[in-house]
Amino acid sequence: MVPNPILWRFLHWLGGLASASFYVPYRKITGWSWETYWLAGGVVSWIVAPWVMAALFSRDLLTVLHQAPVSCALVVLLFGLLWGFGGLTFGLTMRYLGLSLGMAVALGYTAVFGTVMPPIFRGQFGDLLSHHSGQVILFGSVCLRAGDCLRWIGRRIEG
């Protein structure tokens, strides 16, 4: 595959735009509790949209799902439950820490877990520790978490 920097910059921009505009619809429903609008958004984004997109982009969705191995379906279910728990805790993070600190903390944890979990699942965490590049990555992850902790402490002292 030939690298296409313009396409990747566009996709990066599009992802940033989608991430930045995520909360825009929620500004209109200020009378609702966060649980209500989080659930309404969740039903659309976690249930309706995946089924619609899967039906649009597969030839026979139910056959594909039926042919999937049970072990694969259980792993998908497990990670779906974990993702839902993460979405719930992300909502609580926004509520109790605010948008700027909450996003820093949530994205910090995402970066750390996204860095550390794949080598753990592949049984290659020792390789990460034994190479200089892996040590630098882990050191950066620790610094990231430390920065978030310091921001949290600073907010507690201020307020």
Protein backbone atom coordinates (compact mmCIF):
# COMPACT_ATOMS: atom_id res chain seq x y z
CA MET A 1 0.00 0.00 0.00
CA VAL A 2 1.41 3.38 -1.00
CA PRO A 3 1.37 5.96 1.81
CA ASN A 4 -0.98 8.85 1.17
CA PRO A 5 -0.20 11.66 3.63
CA ILE A 6 -3.05 13.86 2.41
CA LEU A 7 -5.62 11.09 3.00
CA TRP A 8 -4.23 10.33 6.47
CA ARG A 9 -4.23 14.00 7.42
CA PHE A 10 -7.82 14.29 6.26
CA LEU A 11 -8.83 11.21 8.26
CA HIS A 12 -6.98 12.56 11.32
CA TRP A 13 -8.78 15.89 10.90
CA LEU A 14 -12.12 14.12 10.49
CA GLY A 15 -11.54 12.08 13.66
CA GLY A 16 -10.61 15.25 15.56
CA LEU A 17 -13.73 17.00 14.29
CA ALA A 18 -15.93 14.08 15.32
CA SER A 19 -14.29 13.95 18.74
CA ALA A 20 -14.57 17.71 19.26
CA SER A 21 -18.22 17.88 18.20
CA PHE A 22 -19.33 14.88 20.28
CA TYR A 23 -20.99 16.96 22.99
CA VAL A 24 -22.66 19.54 20.74
CA PRO A 25 -26.12 17.87 20.73
CA TYR A 26 -26.05 17.58 24.51
CA ARG A 27 -26.03 21.37 24.93
CA LYS A 28 -29.69 21.53 23.87
CA ILE A 29 -30.94 19.16 26.56
CA THR A 30 -29.80 20.93 29.70
CA GLY A 31 -32.90 19.86 31.65
CA TRP A 32 -31.99 16.16 31.43
CA SER A 33 -29.77 14.35 33.91
CA TRP A 34 -26.47 13.13 32.50
CA GLU A 35 -27.62 9.51 32.83
CA THR A 36 -30.59 10.19 30.54
CA TYR A 37 -28.68 11.84 27.73
CA TRP A 38 -25.78 9.41 28.06
CA LEU A 39 -28.24 6.53 27.71
CA ALA A 40 -30.02 8.17 24.75
CA GLY A 41 -26.71 8.74 22.99
CA GLY A 42 -25.60 5.25 23.92
CA VAL A 43 -28.66 3.55 22.45
CA VAL A 44 -28.03 5.28 19.13
CA SER A 45 -24.26 4.87 19.06
CA TRP A 46 -23.92 1.44 20.70
CA ILE A 47 -26.99 -0.38 19.39
CA VAL A 48 -28.69 1.31 16.43
CA ALA A 49 -25.67 2.60 14.48
CA PRO A 50 -23.59 -0.62 14.63
CA TRP A 51 -26.47 -2.75 13.35
CA VAL A 52 -27.27 -0.28 10.57
CA MET A 53 -23.63 0.00 9.49
CA ALA A 54 -23.06 -3.76 9.70
CA ALA A 55 -26.17 -4.37 7.58
CA LEU A 56 -25.03 -1.79 5.04
CA PHE A 57 -21.47 -3.10 4.73
CA SER A 58 -22.00 -6.87 4.76
CA ARG A 59 -23.80 -9.01 2.24
CA ASP A 60 -25.67 -11.20 4.71
CA LEU A 61 -25.14 -10.02 8.27
CA LEU A 62 -27.00 -12.76 10.10
CA THR A 63 -25.17 -15.51 8.17
CA VAL A 64 -21.82 -13.90 8.95
CA LEU A 65 -22.71 -13.70 12.65
CA HIS A 66 -23.99 -17.29 12.66
CA GLN A 67 -20.74 -18.59 11.13
CA ALA A 68 -18.53 -16.85 13.69
CA PRO A 69 -16.91 -19.22 16.21
CA VAL A 70 -18.41 -19.19 19.70
CA SER A 71 -15.03 -18.30 21.23
CA CYS A 72 -14.86 -15.23 18.99
CA ALA A 73 -18.38 -14.21 19.96
CA LEU A 74 -17.54 -14.56 23.67
CA VAL A 75 -14.41 -12.43 23.31
CA VAL A 76 -16.43 -9.80 21.44
CA LEU A 77 -19.07 -9.89 24.18
CA LEU A 78 -16.43 -9.53 26.91
CA PHE A 79 -14.73 -6.58 25.25
CA GLY A 80 -18.10 -5.04 24.45
CA LEU A 81 -19.01 -5.18 28.14
CA LEU A 82 -15.65 -3.66 29.05
CA TRP A 83 -16.15 -0.95 26.44
CA GLY A 84 -19.60 -0.18 27.85
CA PHE A 85 -18.15 0.03 31.35
CA GLY A 86 -15.50 2.38 29.96
CA GLY A 87 -18.20 4.53 28.37
CA LEU A 88 -20.07 4.73 31.65
CA THR A 89 -16.96 5.69 33.58
CA PHE A 90 -16.07 8.21 30.87
CA GLY A 91 -19.43 9.89 31.42
CA LEU A 92 -18.80 10.00 35.16
CA THR A 93 -15.36 11.45 34.48
CA MET A 94 -16.90 14.28 32.45
CA ARG A 95 -19.47 14.93 35.15
CA TYR A 96 -17.15 15.01 38.15
CA LEU A 97 -13.89 16.31 36.65
CA GLY A 98 -15.23 18.60 33.95
CA LEU A 99 -14.46 18.56 30.25
CA SER A 100 -10.80 19.64 30.17
CA LEU A 101 -9.48 17.62 33.12
CA GLY A 102 -11.84 14.72 32.39
CA MET A 103 -10.67 14.43 28.78
CA ALA A 104 -7.03 14.57 29.91
CA VAL A 105 -7.56 11.80 32.44
CA ALA A 106 -9.70 9.62 30.16
CA LEU A 107 -7.40 9.95 27.16
CA GLY A 108 -4.38 9.41 29.39
CA TYR A 109 -5.75 6.10 30.61
CA THR A 110 -6.69 5.18 27.06
CA ALA A 111 -3.14 5.87 25.87
CA VAL A 112 -1.57 3.88 28.69
CA PHE A 113 -3.88 0.88 28.34
CA GLY A 114 -3.61 1.00 24.55
CA THR A 115 0.16 0.88 24.90
CA VAL A 116 0.46 -1.79 27.59
CA MET A 117 -2.44 -4.19 26.96
CA PRO A 118 -1.56 -5.52 23.46
CA PRO A 119 1.90 -6.75 24.52
CA ILE A 120 0.37 -8.28 27.66
CA PHE A 121 -2.26 -10.18 25.64
CA ARG A 122 0.36 -11.35 23.14
CA GLY A 123 2.69 -12.48 25.92
CA GLN A 124 5.34 -9.97 24.81
CA PHE A 125 5.43 -7.60 27.78
CA GLY A 126 8.91 -8.85 28.67
CA ASP A 127 10.07 -7.82 25.19
CA LEU A 128 8.70 -4.35 25.85
CA LEU A 129 10.76 -4.13 29.04
CA SER A 130 13.93 -5.52 27.48
CA HIS A 131 14.19 -3.07 24.54
CA HIS A 132 15.19 0.56 24.85
CA SER A 133 12.23 1.71 22.71
CA GLY A 134 9.83 -0.20 24.97
CA GLN A 135 11.37 1.34 28.07
CA VAL A 136 10.97 4.82 26.56
CA ILE A 137 7.31 4.08 25.76
CA LEU A 138 6.63 2.85 29.30
CA PHE A 139 8.46 5.83 30.80
CA GLY A 140 6.31 8.16 28.69
CA SER A 141 3.18 6.35 29.86
CA VAL A 142 4.23 6.76 33.50
CA CYS A 143 4.94 10.46 32.92
CA LEU A 144 1.52 10.84 31.31
CA ARG A 145 -0.23 9.34 34.32
CA ALA A 146 1.90 11.39 36.72
CA GLY A 147 0.91 14.58 34.88
CA ASP A 148 -2.76 13.70 35.18
CA CYS A 149 -2.34 13.01 38.90
CA LEU A 150 -0.63 16.37 39.39
CA ARG A 151 -3.44 18.15 37.50
CA TRP A 152 -6.00 16.42 39.70
CA ILE A 153 -4.12 17.40 42.86
CA GLY A 154 -3.84 20.98 41.60
CA ARG A 155 -7.56 21.13 40.97
CA ARG A 156 -8.28 19.81 44.48
CA ILE A 157 -6.01 22.45 46.01
CA GLU A 158 -7.62 25.27 43.98
CA GLY A 159 -11.20 24.34 44.56
